Amino acid sequence: MPTSRGDIDTDSLLKIILVLVVVWLALEVIGALIESLAAVLGLARPIVGLAVLALIVLWLLDEI
């Protein structure tokens, strides 16, 4: 007995594709945000190190 292939409605298929595209775009945006956050933290790493060093020196000199 031959079975009918392609029983899915065109509107349903388009909705599935639309959801997949939205998920893909959301992942791209999240990836871009994570990359920019990593770049900012990469630039801030020496500044944070200097701040920690200054706090340790001030603590050792009893200035805090």
N, C-alpha and C. Protein backbone atom coordinates (compact mmCIF):
# COMPACT_ATOMS: atom_id res chain seq x y z
N MET A 1 0.84 -1.17 0.00
CA MET A 1 0.00 0.00 0.00
C MET A 1 0.90 1.24 0.00
N PRO A 2 0.78 2.09 -0.98
CA PRO A 2 1.60 3.29 -1.04
C PRO A 2 1.18 4.28 0.04
N THR A 3 2.18 4.85 0.68
CA THR A 3 1.89 5.87 1.70
C THR A 3 2.08 7.25 1.09
N SER A 4 1.32 8.15 1.57
CA SER A 4 1.40 9.52 1.07
C SER A 4 2.52 10.26 1.79
N ARG A 5 3.44 10.77 1.03
CA ARG A 5 4.53 11.54 1.61
C ARG A 5 4.18 13.02 1.53
N GLY A 6 4.70 13.78 2.44
CA GLY A 6 4.47 15.21 2.42
C GLY A 6 3.11 15.60 2.95
N ASP A 7 2.67 14.92 4.00
CA ASP A 7 1.37 15.24 4.57
C ASP A 7 1.38 16.54 5.37
N ILE A 8 2.55 17.10 5.59
CA ILE A 8 2.62 18.32 6.40
C ILE A 8 2.12 19.50 5.57
N ASP A 9 1.39 20.35 6.24
CA ASP A 9 0.83 21.52 5.59
C ASP A 9 1.93 22.55 5.31
N THR A 10 1.79 23.30 4.26
CA THR A 10 2.79 24.29 3.89
C THR A 10 2.94 25.36 4.97
N ASP A 11 1.84 25.78 5.54
CA ASP A 11 1.90 26.79 6.60
C ASP A 11 2.67 26.28 7.81
N SER A 12 2.46 25.02 8.15
CA SER A 12 3.18 24.44 9.29
C SER A 12 4.67 24.37 9.00
N LEU A 13 5.01 23.99 7.80
CA LEU A 13 6.41 23.92 7.42
C LEU A 13 7.07 25.29 7.46
N LEU A 14 6.37 26.30 6.98
CA LEU A 14 6.90 27.66 7.02
C LEU A 14 7.06 28.16 8.46
N LYS A 15 6.15 27.79 9.33
CA LYS A 15 6.27 28.18 10.74
C LYS A 15 7.48 27.52 11.38
N ILE A 16 7.72 26.27 11.06
CA ILE A 16 8.89 25.57 11.60
C ILE A 16 10.17 26.24 11.12
N ILE A 17 10.22 26.56 9.85
CA ILE A 17 11.41 27.22 9.30
C ILE A 17 11.59 28.60 9.92
N LEU A 18 10.50 29.32 10.13
CA LEU A 18 10.57 30.64 10.75
C LEU A 18 11.11 30.55 12.17
N VAL A 19 10.66 29.57 12.92
CA VAL A 19 11.16 29.39 14.29
C VAL A 19 12.64 29.05 14.27
N LEU A 20 13.06 28.20 13.36
CA LEU A 20 14.47 27.85 13.27
C LEU A 20 15.34 29.05 12.91
N VAL A 21 14.85 29.90 12.03
CA VAL A 21 15.60 31.10 11.65
C VAL A 21 15.68 32.07 12.83
N VAL A 22 14.60 32.21 13.58
CA VAL A 22 14.61 33.09 14.75
C VAL A 22 15.59 32.58 15.80
N VAL A 23 15.61 31.28 16.02
CA VAL A 23 16.57 30.69 16.97
C VAL A 23 17.99 30.92 16.49
N TRP A 24 18.22 30.74 15.21
CA TRP A 24 19.56 30.95 14.65
C TRP A 24 20.01 32.40 14.83
N LEU A 25 19.12 33.35 14.55
CA LEU A 25 19.47 34.76 14.72
C LEU A 25 19.70 35.11 16.19
N ALA A 26 18.91 34.54 17.07
CA ALA A 26 19.10 34.79 18.50
C ALA A 26 20.46 34.26 18.96
N LEU A 27 20.85 33.09 18.47
CA LEU A 27 22.15 32.55 18.83
C LEU A 27 23.29 33.41 18.29
N GLU A 28 23.11 33.97 17.11
CA GLU A 28 24.12 34.86 16.55
C GLU A 28 24.27 36.12 17.40
N VAL A 29 23.15 36.68 17.83
CA VAL A 29 23.19 37.90 18.66
C VAL A 29 23.84 37.59 20.01
N ILE A 30 23.47 36.48 20.61
CA ILE A 30 24.06 36.10 21.90
C ILE A 30 25.56 35.88 21.75
N GLY A 31 25.96 35.24 20.67
CA GLY A 31 27.39 35.03 20.42
C GLY A 31 28.14 36.34 20.26
N ALA A 32 27.54 37.29 19.57
CA ALA A 32 28.18 38.60 19.39
C ALA A 32 28.30 39.33 20.73
N LEU A 33 27.27 39.23 21.56
CA LEU A 33 27.33 39.88 22.87
C LEU A 33 28.41 39.25 23.75
N ILE A 34 28.53 37.95 23.70
CA ILE A 34 29.55 37.27 24.50
C ILE A 34 30.94 37.65 24.01
N GLU A 35 31.12 37.74 22.70
CA GLU A 35 32.42 38.14 22.16
C GLU A 35 32.78 39.57 22.56
N SER A 36 31.81 40.47 22.52
CA SER A 36 32.10 41.86 22.90
C SER A 36 32.37 41.97 24.39
N LEU A 37 31.67 41.18 25.19
CA LEU A 37 31.93 41.18 26.63
C LEU A 37 33.32 40.64 26.92
N ALA A 38 33.73 39.62 26.20
CA ALA A 38 35.07 39.08 26.39
C ALA A 38 36.13 40.09 25.97
N ALA A 39 35.86 40.86 24.93
CA ALA A 39 36.81 41.88 24.50
C ALA A 39 36.94 42.98 25.55
N VAL A 40 35.81 43.38 26.13
CA VAL A 40 35.84 44.42 27.16
C VAL A 40 36.58 43.91 28.39
N LEU A 41 36.30 42.69 28.79
CA LEU A 41 36.98 42.14 29.95
C LEU A 41 38.46 41.91 29.67
N GLY A 42 38.79 41.62 28.44
CA GLY A 42 40.19 41.46 28.07
C GLY A 42 40.96 42.76 28.22
N LEU A 43 40.31 43.87 27.87
CA LEU A 43 40.95 45.17 28.03
C LEU A 43 40.99 45.61 29.49
N ALA A 44 40.03 45.18 30.27
CA ALA A 44 39.94 45.61 31.66
C ALA A 44 40.82 44.77 32.59
N ARG A 45 41.33 43.66 32.11
CA ARG A 45 42.12 42.77 32.98
C ARG A 45 43.34 43.48 33.59
N PRO A 46 44.14 44.24 32.83
CA PRO A 46 45.26 44.94 33.47
C PRO A 46 44.80 46.00 34.47
N ILE A 47 43.69 46.65 34.19
CA ILE A 47 43.18 47.67 35.11
C ILE A 47 42.74 47.03 36.41
N VAL A 48 42.08 45.89 36.33
CA VAL A 48 41.66 45.18 37.53
C VAL A 48 42.89 44.71 38.31
N GLY A 49 43.90 44.25 37.62
CA GLY A 49 45.14 43.84 38.28
C GLY A 49 45.80 44.99 39.02
N LEU A 50 45.84 46.15 38.38
CA LEU A 50 46.43 47.32 39.04
C LEU A 50 45.61 47.75 40.26
N ALA A 51 44.29 47.65 40.16
CA ALA A 51 43.45 48.01 41.29
C ALA A 51 43.67 47.05 42.46
N VAL A 52 43.79 45.77 42.18
CA VAL A 52 44.05 44.80 43.24
C VAL A 52 45.42 45.05 43.86
N LEU A 53 46.40 45.33 43.03
CA LEU A 53 47.74 45.63 43.53
C LEU A 53 47.72 46.87 44.42
N ALA A 54 47.02 47.90 44.00
CA ALA A 54 46.94 49.12 44.81
C ALA A 54 46.24 48.85 46.14
N LEU A 55 45.19 48.05 46.13
CA LEU A 55 44.51 47.73 47.38
C LEU A 55 45.40 46.94 48.32
N ILE A 56 46.18 46.02 47.79
CA ILE A 56 47.10 45.25 48.64
C ILE A 56 48.17 46.14 49.24
N VAL A 57 48.72 47.03 48.42
CA VAL A 57 49.75 47.95 48.93
C VAL A 57 49.17 48.87 49.99
N LEU A 58 47.98 49.40 49.74
CA LEU A 58 47.35 50.27 50.74
C LEU A 58 47.04 49.50 52.02
N TRP A 59 46.65 48.26 51.91
CA TRP A 59 46.35 47.46 53.10
C TRP A 59 47.63 47.18 53.88
N LEU A 60 48.72 46.89 53.16
CA LEU A 60 49.98 46.64 53.85
C LEU A 60 50.53 47.90 54.52
N LEU A 61 50.24 49.05 53.97
CA LEU A 61 50.70 50.31 54.56
C LEU A 61 49.71 50.85 55.59
N ASP A 62 48.68 50.09 55.89
CA ASP A 62 47.62 50.48 56.84
C ASP A 62 46.96 51.80 56.47
N GLU A 63 46.74 51.98 55.20
CA GLU A 63 46.06 53.18 54.72
C GLU A 63 44.57 52.93 54.48
N ILE A 64 44.16 51.69 54.57
CA ILE A 64 42.75 51.38 54.34
C ILE A 64 42.05 51.29 55.67
